[in-house]
Amino acid sequence: MEAANLNINLPLNFNQVVDLVRQLPYNEKLKLSEVLKKETKQKKENNNILTHFASEKVLAKDWLLPEEDEAWKDL
C-alpha cells in the first residue's frame, strides 16, 4: 500500500502524533522522515512560487505608471 493512496483523517493533536511515532520501528521512522522531508520541501517550493506571483502583482502597479513608461522609453 502506498502512502499517497492512503487518506485517513484522524483528530490527533501534535503530542499524540509524536507518541505514535515513538512507537514505530526504526525503519518505519526512517520512511516517515523521508516523507516529511519531501512534504516540507514541497510546501517551501509552493510558498516561493506564491510569493513570486504576489510580488509581481504588487510591482505591476508601478510598472503601469506613465512615469515608468517615460523612464524606459529610450531603452
N, C-alpha and C. Protein backbone atom coordinates (compact mmCIF):
# COMPACT_ATOMS: atom_id res chain seq x y z
N MET A 1 0.84 -1.18 0.00
CA MET A 1 0.00 0.00 0.00
C MET A 1 0.88 1.24 0.00
N GLU A 2 0.63 2.15 -0.92
CA GLU A 2 1.40 3.39 -0.99
C GLU A 2 0.79 4.44 -0.09
N ALA A 3 1.65 5.21 0.56
CA ALA A 3 1.17 6.27 1.45
C ALA A 3 0.36 7.31 0.69
N ALA A 4 0.69 7.56 -0.57
CA ALA A 4 -0.01 8.58 -1.35
C ALA A 4 -1.46 8.20 -1.59
N ASN A 5 -1.76 6.91 -1.61
CA ASN A 5 -3.12 6.45 -1.87
C ASN A 5 -3.95 6.32 -0.60
N LEU A 6 -3.33 6.51 0.54
CA LEU A 6 -4.00 6.34 1.82
C LEU A 6 -4.41 7.70 2.36
N ASN A 7 -5.71 7.88 2.57
CA ASN A 7 -6.21 9.16 3.06
C ASN A 7 -7.05 8.91 4.30
N ILE A 8 -6.43 9.14 5.46
CA ILE A 8 -7.11 8.92 6.74
C ILE A 8 -7.16 10.23 7.48
N ASN A 9 -8.32 10.57 8.00
CA ASN A 9 -8.47 11.81 8.77
C ASN A 9 -8.75 11.44 10.22
N LEU A 10 -7.74 11.58 11.07
CA LEU A 10 -7.89 11.28 12.49
C LEU A 10 -7.71 12.56 13.29
N PRO A 11 -8.60 12.80 14.24
CA PRO A 11 -8.46 14.01 15.06
C PRO A 11 -7.37 13.83 16.13
N LEU A 12 -6.12 14.01 15.73
CA LEU A 12 -4.99 13.86 16.65
C LEU A 12 -4.30 15.20 16.84
N ASN A 13 -3.83 15.44 18.04
CA ASN A 13 -3.03 16.65 18.24
C ASN A 13 -1.55 16.28 18.05
N PHE A 14 -0.71 17.27 18.09
CA PHE A 14 0.71 17.08 17.83
C PHE A 14 1.34 16.05 18.79
N ASN A 15 1.05 16.18 20.07
CA ASN A 15 1.64 15.26 21.06
C ASN A 15 1.20 13.82 20.82
N GLN A 16 -0.02 13.63 20.39
CA GLN A 16 -0.49 12.28 20.09
C GLN A 16 0.26 11.70 18.89
N VAL A 17 0.51 12.53 17.91
CA VAL A 17 1.27 12.07 16.74
C VAL A 17 2.69 11.70 17.16
N VAL A 18 3.30 12.51 18.00
CA VAL A 18 4.66 12.21 18.49
C VAL A 18 4.66 10.89 19.23
N ASP A 19 3.67 10.65 20.07
CA ASP A 19 3.59 9.38 20.80
C ASP A 19 3.47 8.20 19.83
N LEU A 20 2.69 8.37 18.78
CA LEU A 20 2.56 7.30 17.79
C LEU A 20 3.88 7.05 17.07
N VAL A 21 4.57 8.11 16.71
CA VAL A 21 5.85 7.97 16.01
C VAL A 21 6.86 7.25 16.90
N ARG A 22 6.86 7.55 18.16
CA ARG A 22 7.80 6.89 19.08
C ARG A 22 7.57 5.39 19.15
N GLN A 23 6.39 4.95 18.83
CA GLN A 23 6.07 3.51 18.87
C GLN A 23 6.48 2.79 17.58
N LEU A 24 6.81 3.53 16.56
CA LEU A 24 7.18 2.91 15.29
C LEU A 24 8.54 2.25 15.36
N PRO A 25 8.72 1.17 14.61
CA PRO A 25 10.06 0.58 14.50
C PRO A 25 10.99 1.55 13.76
N TYR A 26 12.27 1.37 13.96
CA TYR A 26 13.28 2.27 13.40
C TYR A 26 13.12 2.47 11.89
N ASN A 27 12.95 1.38 11.14
CA ASN A 27 12.86 1.50 9.68
C ASN A 27 11.62 2.29 9.25
N GLU A 28 10.54 2.20 10.01
CA GLU A 28 9.34 2.98 9.70
C GLU A 28 9.57 4.46 10.02
N LYS A 29 10.34 4.73 11.05
CA LYS A 29 10.68 6.12 11.37
C LYS A 29 11.51 6.74 10.24
N LEU A 30 12.41 5.95 9.67
CA LEU A 30 13.21 6.44 8.54
C LEU A 30 12.33 6.77 7.34
N LYS A 31 11.37 5.90 7.06
CA LYS A 31 10.44 6.15 5.96
C LYS A 31 9.63 7.42 6.22
N LEU A 32 9.16 7.56 7.44
CA LEU A 32 8.38 8.75 7.81
C LEU A 32 9.24 10.01 7.67
N SER A 33 10.48 9.90 8.06
CA SER A 33 11.40 11.03 7.94
C SER A 33 11.53 11.48 6.49
N GLU A 34 11.64 10.54 5.58
CA GLU A 34 11.75 10.86 4.15
C GLU A 34 10.47 11.52 3.64
N VAL A 35 9.33 11.01 4.07
CA VAL A 35 8.04 11.60 3.67
C VAL A 35 7.96 13.04 4.16
N LEU A 36 8.35 13.27 5.41
CA LEU A 36 8.29 14.62 5.97
C LEU A 36 9.24 15.57 5.25
N LYS A 37 10.42 15.08 4.89
CA LYS A 37 11.37 15.92 4.15
C LYS A 37 10.78 16.34 2.81
N LYS A 38 10.16 15.38 2.10
CA LYS A 38 9.55 15.69 0.81
C LYS A 38 8.41 16.67 0.97
N GLU A 39 7.57 16.45 1.96
CA GLU A 39 6.41 17.32 2.19
C GLU A 39 6.84 18.75 2.52
N THR A 40 7.83 18.89 3.39
CA THR A 40 8.25 20.24 3.78
C THR A 40 8.96 20.94 2.63
N LYS A 41 9.71 20.20 1.82
CA LYS A 41 10.37 20.79 0.66
C LYS A 41 9.32 21.26 -0.34
N GLN A 42 8.32 20.43 -0.57
CA GLN A 42 7.25 20.77 -1.50
C GLN A 42 6.51 22.03 -1.05
N LYS A 43 6.20 22.12 0.22
CA LYS A 43 5.49 23.28 0.75
C LYS A 43 6.33 24.53 0.58
N LYS A 44 7.64 24.42 0.85
CA LYS A 44 8.53 25.57 0.71
C LYS A 44 8.56 26.04 -0.74
N GLU A 45 8.65 25.10 -1.68
CA GLU A 45 8.68 25.46 -3.09
C GLU A 45 7.37 26.13 -3.50
N ASN A 46 6.25 25.61 -3.02
CA ASN A 46 4.95 26.21 -3.33
C ASN A 46 4.86 27.62 -2.76
N ASN A 47 5.37 27.83 -1.55
CA ASN A 47 5.34 29.16 -0.95
C ASN A 47 6.19 30.14 -1.75
N ASN A 48 7.33 29.67 -2.25
CA ASN A 48 8.19 30.54 -3.06
C ASN A 48 7.47 30.97 -4.34
N ILE A 49 6.76 30.04 -4.96
CA ILE A 49 6.02 30.36 -6.18
C ILE A 49 4.93 31.37 -5.88
N LEU A 50 4.19 31.16 -4.81
CA LEU A 50 3.12 32.08 -4.45
C LEU A 50 3.66 33.47 -4.13
N THR A 51 4.79 33.53 -3.46
CA THR A 51 5.42 34.82 -3.16
C THR A 51 5.79 35.54 -4.45
N HIS A 52 6.30 34.80 -5.40
CA HIS A 52 6.67 35.38 -6.69
C HIS A 52 5.45 36.02 -7.35
N PHE A 53 4.34 35.30 -7.40
CA PHE A 53 3.14 35.84 -8.04
C PHE A 53 2.59 37.04 -7.28
N ALA A 54 2.62 36.99 -5.97
CA ALA A 54 2.14 38.12 -5.17
C ALA A 54 3.02 39.34 -5.41
N SER A 55 4.32 39.15 -5.48
CA SER A 55 5.24 40.26 -5.71
C SER A 55 5.01 40.86 -7.09
N GLU A 56 4.79 40.02 -8.07
CA GLU A 56 4.57 40.51 -9.43
C GLU A 56 3.33 41.40 -9.50
N LYS A 57 2.29 41.02 -8.81
CA LYS A 57 1.05 41.80 -8.81
C LYS A 57 1.28 43.19 -8.18
N VAL A 58 2.01 43.22 -7.09
CA VAL A 58 2.30 44.50 -6.43
C VAL A 58 3.19 45.37 -7.30
N LEU A 59 4.22 44.76 -7.87
CA LEU A 59 5.14 45.53 -8.72
C LEU A 59 4.46 46.03 -10.00
N ALA A 60 3.49 45.28 -10.49
CA ALA A 60 2.80 45.68 -11.72
C ALA A 60 2.13 47.04 -11.58
N LYS A 61 1.72 47.39 -10.37
CA LYS A 61 1.11 48.70 -10.15
C LYS A 61 2.09 49.81 -10.55
N ASP A 62 3.36 49.65 -10.18
CA ASP A 62 4.38 50.64 -10.54
C ASP A 62 4.72 50.56 -12.03
N TRP A 63 4.72 49.35 -12.57
CA TRP A 63 5.08 49.18 -13.97
C TRP A 63 4.09 49.88 -14.90
N LEU A 64 2.86 50.02 -14.46
CA LEU A 64 1.82 50.58 -15.32
C LEU A 64 1.71 52.10 -15.23
N LEU A 65 2.59 52.72 -14.47
CA LEU A 65 2.55 54.18 -14.32
C LEU A 65 3.15 54.86 -15.55
N PRO A 66 2.60 56.01 -15.93
CA PRO A 66 3.17 56.77 -17.06
C PRO A 66 4.63 57.15 -16.82
N GLU A 67 4.99 57.41 -15.56
CA GLU A 67 6.38 57.76 -15.24
C GLU A 67 7.33 56.62 -15.60
N GLU A 68 6.89 55.40 -15.42
CA GLU A 68 7.72 54.24 -15.78
C GLU A 68 7.91 54.18 -17.29
N ASP A 69 6.83 54.39 -18.02
CA ASP A 69 6.94 54.40 -19.49
C ASP A 69 7.92 55.46 -19.96
N GLU A 70 7.83 56.63 -19.35
CA GLU A 70 8.73 57.73 -19.71
C GLU A 70 10.18 57.37 -19.41
N ALA A 71 10.41 56.78 -18.26
CA ALA A 71 11.78 56.43 -17.85
C ALA A 71 12.40 55.39 -18.77
N TRP A 72 11.61 54.51 -19.34
CA TRP A 72 12.13 53.41 -20.14
C TRP A 72 12.00 53.65 -21.66
N LYS A 73 11.48 54.76 -22.08
CA LYS A 73 11.16 54.95 -23.50
C LYS A 73 12.39 54.90 -24.41
N ASP A 74 13.55 55.29 -23.92
CA ASP A 74 14.75 55.33 -24.76
C ASP A 74 15.53 54.02 -24.75
N LEU A 75 15.09 53.07 -24.03
CA LEU A 75 15.83 51.79 -23.95
C LEU A 75 15.34 50.79 -24.96
